[in-house]
Amino acid sequence: MPVVTHLKQRSRHMPCRLLTRHADRARSEQVHYDRLVHMYAHDEVRGWGAQGPSDDVIDAASVLLRMLADPTRMRILWLLGQREYDVATLAEDLQTARPAISQHLAKLKLAGLVQSSKDGRRSVYSLRGLHLHELLTEVFSAADGTAARTGDSCGVMPQTRLC
């Protein structure tokens, strides 16, 4: 049964705010489903099939994941997914020294994950694409679920604990 029809049928028995809450939840579930379908449909579209992606694609993915392996870079990328930042503001928000933030941004820019533009004398940084923010969201969700299941603040399974 379509969500809208289902909600209209229930509207006689539900207060308005509950109806709105159900509609919002249905919309967010549909968006999540659409993202999952889009995310997992890539292998069919690109023709990877059973053999998987080419060596060049795997090497590029490896570089991307190495860039994401540093907690400070993950925090930087998360913030840049929200809005544009300059080095000073990032350093202040992350409570990290400006030279360290600059070095991380240089690596991220070299890897093609962030871009910069000039605003007067300062450089303003932003994410290169929204796909990276979606990837971080999925990684953080998976880590949050693992930490909740194991009761471990490190977020990895006990037998593979690295921190």
C-alpha atoms as a PDB file:
ATOM      1  CA  MET A   1       0.000   0.000   0.000  1.00  0.00           C
ATOM      2  CA  PRO A   2       1.489   3.408  -0.913  1.00  0.00           C
ATOM      3  CA  VAL A   3       2.634   5.443   2.071  1.00  0.00           C
ATOM      4  CA  VAL A   4       0.446   8.461   1.245  1.00  0.00           C
ATOM      5  CA  THR A   5      -2.733   6.372   0.909  1.00  0.00           C
ATOM      6  CA  HIS A   6      -1.902   4.492   4.090  1.00  0.00           C
ATOM      7  CA  LEU A   7      -1.382   7.740   5.996  1.00  0.00           C
ATOM      8  CA  LYS A   8      -4.587   9.278   4.644  1.00  0.00           C
ATOM      9  CA  GLN A   9      -6.538   6.272   5.847  1.00  0.00           C
ATOM     10  CA  ARG A  10      -5.012   6.570   9.328  1.00  0.00           C
ATOM     11  CA  SER A  11      -5.466  10.361   9.540  1.00  0.00           C
ATOM     12  CA  ARG A  12      -8.981  10.089  10.977  1.00  0.00           C
ATOM     13  CA  HIS A  13      -7.633   8.271  14.008  1.00  0.00           C
ATOM     14  CA  MET A  14      -4.290  10.024  14.550  1.00  0.00           C
ATOM     15  CA  PRO A  15      -3.436  13.479  15.823  1.00  0.00           C
ATOM     16  CA  CYS A  16      -1.823  15.774  13.245  1.00  0.00           C
ATOM     17  CA  ARG A  17       1.679  15.711  14.769  1.00  0.00           C
ATOM     18  CA  LEU A  18       1.746  11.904  14.791  1.00  0.00           C
ATOM     19  CA  LEU A  19       0.642  11.860  11.172  1.00  0.00           C
ATOM     20  CA  THR A  20       3.433  14.305  10.298  1.00  0.00           C
ATOM     21  CA  ARG A  21       5.959  12.180  12.207  1.00  0.00           C
ATOM     22  CA  HIS A  22       4.879   9.057  10.301  1.00  0.00           C
ATOM     23  CA  ALA A  23       5.111  10.880   6.954  1.00  0.00           C
ATOM     24  CA  ASP A  24       8.599  12.204   7.799  1.00  0.00           C
ATOM     25  CA  ARG A  25       9.762   8.748   8.812  1.00  0.00           C
ATOM     26  CA  ALA A  26       8.332   7.201   5.643  1.00  0.00           C
ATOM     27  CA  ARG A  27      10.095   9.827   3.518  1.00  0.00           C
ATOM     28  CA  SER A  28      13.431   9.277   5.297  1.00  0.00           C
ATOM     29  CA  GLU A  29      13.108   5.501   4.916  1.00  0.00           C
ATOM     30  CA  GLN A  30      12.403   5.932   1.193  1.00  0.00           C
ATOM     31  CA  VAL A  31      15.443   8.210   0.784  1.00  0.00           C
ATOM     32  CA  HIS A  32      17.607   5.670   2.654  1.00  0.00           C
ATOM     33  CA  TYR A  33      16.281   2.855   0.441  1.00  0.00           C
ATOM     34  CA  ASP A  34      16.911   4.916  -2.714  1.00  0.00           C
ATOM     35  CA  ARG A  35      20.510   5.572  -1.600  1.00  0.00           C
ATOM     36  CA  LEU A  36      21.106   1.885  -0.919  1.00  0.00           C
ATOM     37  CA  VAL A  37      19.701   0.882  -4.310  1.00  0.00           C
ATOM     38  CA  HIS A  38      21.847   3.537  -5.987  1.00  0.00           C
ATOM     39  CA  MET A  39      24.953   2.556  -4.003  1.00  0.00           C
ATOM     40  CA  TYR A  40      24.708  -1.161  -4.723  1.00  0.00           C
ATOM     41  CA  ALA A  41      23.592  -0.740  -8.338  1.00  0.00           C
ATOM     42  CA  HIS A  42      26.976   0.705  -9.314  1.00  0.00           C
ATOM     43  CA  ASP A  43      28.607  -2.676  -9.880  1.00  0.00           C
ATOM     44  CA  GLU A  44      25.971  -3.633 -12.465  1.00  0.00           C
ATOM     45  CA  VAL A  45      26.182  -0.267 -14.235  1.00  0.00           C
ATOM     46  CA  ARG A  46      29.954  -0.325 -14.451  1.00  0.00           C
ATOM     47  CA  GLY A  47      30.064  -3.945 -15.567  1.00  0.00           C
ATOM     48  CA  TRP A  48      32.328  -5.139 -12.776  1.00  0.00           C
ATOM     49  CA  GLY A  49      30.486  -8.406 -12.288  1.00  0.00           C
ATOM     50  CA  ALA A  50      32.301 -11.300 -10.621  1.00  0.00           C
ATOM     51  CA  GLN A  51      35.823 -10.198 -11.596  1.00  0.00           C
ATOM     52  CA  GLY A  52      35.446  -6.888  -9.726  1.00  0.00           C
ATOM     53  CA  PRO A  53      36.875  -3.482 -10.580  1.00  0.00           C
ATOM     54  CA  SER A  54      40.143  -2.969 -12.442  1.00  0.00           C
ATOM     55  CA  ASP A  55      43.481  -2.673 -10.668  1.00  0.00           C
ATOM     56  CA  ASP A  56      43.469   1.105 -11.234  1.00  0.00           C
ATOM     57  CA  VAL A  57      40.117   1.450  -9.473  1.00  0.00           C
ATOM     58  CA  ILE A  58      41.285  -0.731  -6.585  1.00  0.00           C
ATOM     59  CA  ASP A  59      44.485   1.337  -6.237  1.00  0.00           C
ATOM     60  CA  ALA A  60      42.455   4.568  -6.198  1.00  0.00           C
ATOM     61  CA  ALA A  61      40.104   3.097  -3.572  1.00  0.00           C
ATOM     62  CA  SER A  62      43.104   2.096  -1.476  1.00  0.00           C
ATOM     63  CA  VAL A  63      44.432   5.672  -1.551  1.00  0.00           C
ATOM     64  CA  LEU A  64      40.998   6.971  -0.596  1.00  0.00           C
ATOM     65  CA  LEU A  65      40.736   4.607   2.361  1.00  0.00           C
ATOM     66  CA  ARG A  66      44.251   5.499   3.515  1.00  0.00           C
ATOM     67  CA  MET A  67      43.215   9.150   3.550  1.00  0.00           C
ATOM     68  CA  LEU A  68      40.212   8.194   5.679  1.00  0.00           C
ATOM     69  CA  ALA A  69      42.321   6.132   8.100  1.00  0.00           C
ATOM     70  CA  ASP A  70      43.361   9.181  10.137  1.00  0.00           C
ATOM     71  CA  PRO A  71      40.835  10.397  12.758  1.00  0.00           C
ATOM     72  CA  THR A  72      41.735  14.070  12.252  1.00  0.00           C
ATOM     73  CA  ARG A  73      41.220  13.798   8.495  1.00  0.00           C
ATOM     74  CA  MET A  74      37.879  12.080   9.088  1.00  0.00           C
ATOM     75  CA  ARG A  75      36.806  14.949  11.333  1.00  0.00           C
ATOM     76  CA  ILE A  76      37.990  17.499   8.764  1.00  0.00           C
ATOM     77  CA  LEU A  77      36.091  15.766   5.970  1.00  0.00           C
ATOM     78  CA  TRP A  78      32.965  15.527   8.108  1.00  0.00           C
ATOM     79  CA  LEU A  79      33.058  19.262   8.855  1.00  0.00           C
ATOM     80  CA  LEU A  80      33.743  20.108   5.217  1.00  0.00           C
ATOM     81  CA  GLY A  81      30.678  18.070   4.319  1.00  0.00           C
ATOM     82  CA  GLN A  82      28.610  20.537   6.342  1.00  0.00           C
ATOM     83  CA  ARG A  83      29.992  23.781   4.890  1.00  0.00           C
ATOM     84  CA  GLU A  84      33.165  25.503   3.644  1.00  0.00           C
ATOM     85  CA  TYR A  85      35.946  26.214   6.134  1.00  0.00           C
ATOM     86  CA  ASP A  86      39.235  28.053   6.233  1.00  0.00           C
ATOM     87  CA  VAL A  87      42.266  26.633   8.066  1.00  0.00           C
ATOM     88  CA  ALA A  88      41.914  28.861  11.130  1.00  0.00           C
ATOM     89  CA  THR A  89      38.263  27.974  11.684  1.00  0.00           C
ATOM     90  CA  LEU A  90      38.938  24.257  11.216  1.00  0.00           C
ATOM     91  CA  ALA A  91      41.834  24.428  13.672  1.00  0.00           C
ATOM     92  CA  GLU A  92      39.641  26.204  16.206  1.00  0.00           C
ATOM     93  CA  ASP A  93      36.703  23.808  15.809  1.00  0.00           C
ATOM     94  CA  LEU A  94      38.922  20.720  16.013  1.00  0.00           C
ATOM     95  CA  GLN A  95      41.178  22.194  18.719  1.00  0.00           C
ATOM     96  CA  THR A  96      44.241  21.314  16.671  1.00  0.00           C
ATOM     97  CA  ALA A  97      47.234  23.394  15.608  1.00  0.00           C
ATOM     98  CA  ARG A  98      46.912  25.237  12.298  1.00  0.00           C
ATOM     99  CA  PRO A  99      50.050  23.681  10.761  1.00  0.00           C
ATOM    100  CA  ALA A 100      48.654  20.193  11.423  1.00  0.00           C
ATOM    101  CA  ILE A 101      45.332  21.119   9.795  1.00  0.00           C
ATOM    102  CA  SER A 102      47.191  22.605   6.816  1.00  0.00           C
ATOM    103  CA  GLN A 103      49.184  19.417   6.342  1.00  0.00           C
ATOM    104  CA  HIS A 104      46.058  17.265   6.498  1.00  0.00           C
ATOM    105  CA  LEU A 105      44.281  19.533   4.008  1.00  0.00           C
ATOM    106  CA  ALA A 106      47.273  19.388   1.652  1.00  0.00           C
ATOM    107  CA  LYS A 107      47.155  15.574   1.674  1.00  0.00           C
ATOM    108  CA  LEU A 108      43.394  15.562   1.150  1.00  0.00           C
ATOM    109  CA  LYS A 109      43.721  18.043  -1.704  1.00  0.00           C
ATOM    110  CA  LEU A 110      46.508  16.008  -3.313  1.00  0.00           C
ATOM    111  CA  ALA A 111      44.279  12.927  -3.112  1.00  0.00           C
ATOM    112  CA  GLY A 112      41.500  14.902  -4.817  1.00  0.00           C
ATOM    113  CA  LEU A 113      39.087  14.731  -1.897  1.00  0.00           C
ATOM    114  CA  VAL A 114      38.894  18.464  -1.135  1.00  0.00           C
ATOM    115  CA  GLN A 115      39.127  21.606  -3.210  1.00  0.00           C
ATOM    116  CA  SER A 116      40.120  25.119  -2.274  1.00  0.00           C
ATOM    117  CA  SER A 117      39.203  28.559  -3.467  1.00  0.00           C
ATOM    118  CA  LYS A 118      40.559  31.987  -2.569  1.00  0.00           C
ATOM    119  CA  ASP A 119      38.490  34.391  -0.512  1.00  0.00           C
ATOM    120  CA  GLY A 120      40.683  37.449  -0.285  1.00  0.00           C
ATOM    121  CA  ARG A 121      43.911  36.338   1.376  1.00  0.00           C
ATOM    122  CA  ARG A 122      42.578  33.133   2.859  1.00  0.00           C
ATOM    123  CA  SER A 123      41.912  29.765   1.260  1.00  0.00           C
ATOM    124  CA  VAL A 124      38.490  28.243   1.796  1.00  0.00           C
ATOM    125  CA  TYR A 125      38.169  24.457   1.596  1.00  0.00           C
ATOM    126  CA  SER A 126      35.197  22.274   0.674  1.00  0.00           C
ATOM    127  CA  LEU A 127      34.512  18.645  -0.201  1.00  0.00           C
ATOM    128  CA  ARG A 128      34.961  17.734  -3.832  1.00  0.00           C
ATOM    129  CA  GLY A 129      31.749  15.681  -3.955  1.00  0.00           C
ATOM    130  CA  LEU A 130      28.865  14.715  -1.714  1.00  0.00           C
ATOM    131  CA  HIS A 131      29.605  11.015  -2.241  1.00  0.00           C
ATOM    132  CA  LEU A 132      32.429  11.329   0.291  1.00  0.00           C
ATOM    133  CA  HIS A 133      30.078  12.670   2.952  1.00  0.00           C
ATOM    134  CA  GLU A 134      27.720   9.756   2.275  1.00  0.00           C
ATOM    135  CA  LEU A 135      30.641   7.323   2.590  1.00  0.00           C
ATOM    136  CA  LEU A 136      31.635   8.844   5.940  1.00  0.00           C
ATOM    137  CA  THR A 137      28.040   8.605   7.142  1.00  0.00           C
ATOM    138  CA  GLU A 138      27.973   4.895   6.283  1.00  0.00           C
ATOM    139  CA  VAL A 139      31.365   4.275   7.931  1.00  0.00           C
ATOM    140  CA  PHE A 140      30.356   6.121  11.107  1.00  0.00           C
ATOM    141  CA  SER A 141      27.025   4.277  11.223  1.00  0.00           C
ATOM    142  CA  ALA A 142      28.790   0.928  10.894  1.00  0.00           C
ATOM    143  CA  ALA A 143      31.333   1.877  13.577  1.00  0.00           C
ATOM    144  CA  ASP A 144      28.572   3.108  15.873  1.00  0.00           C
ATOM    145  CA  GLY A 145      26.704  -0.176  15.468  1.00  0.00           C
ATOM    146  CA  THR A 146      29.845  -2.194  16.146  1.00  0.00           C
ATOM    147  CA  ALA A 147      30.655  -0.160  19.258  1.00  0.00           C
ATOM    148  CA  ALA A 148      27.086  -0.578  20.527  1.00  0.00           C
ATOM    149  CA  ARG A 149      27.135  -4.369  19.961  1.00  0.00           C
ATOM    150  CA  THR A 150      30.511  -4.952  21.586  1.00  0.00           C
ATOM    151  CA  GLY A 151      30.249  -2.323  24.313  1.00  0.00           C
ATOM    152  CA  ASP A 152      33.716  -1.201  23.257  1.00  0.00           C
ATOM    153  CA  SER A 153      34.517   2.482  22.853  1.00  0.00           C
ATOM    154  CA  CYS A 154      37.183   1.560  20.313  1.00  0.00           C
ATOM    155  CA  GLY A 155      34.488   0.387  17.905  1.00  0.00           C
ATOM    156  CA  VAL A 156      36.108  -2.832  16.711  1.00  0.00           C
ATOM    157  CA  MET A 157      35.513  -6.431  17.581  1.00  0.00           C
ATOM    158  CA  PRO A 158      37.394  -7.551  20.733  1.00  0.00           C
ATOM    159  CA  GLN A 159      39.558 -10.095  18.899  1.00  0.00           C
ATOM    160  CA  THR A 160      40.767  -7.383  16.452  1.00  0.00           C
ATOM    161  CA  ARG A 161      41.159  -4.547  18.927  1.00  0.00           C
ATOM    162  CA  LEU A 162      43.663  -2.013  17.609  1.00  0.00           C
ATOM    163  CA  CYS A 163      43.358   0.937  19.987  1.00  0.00           C
END
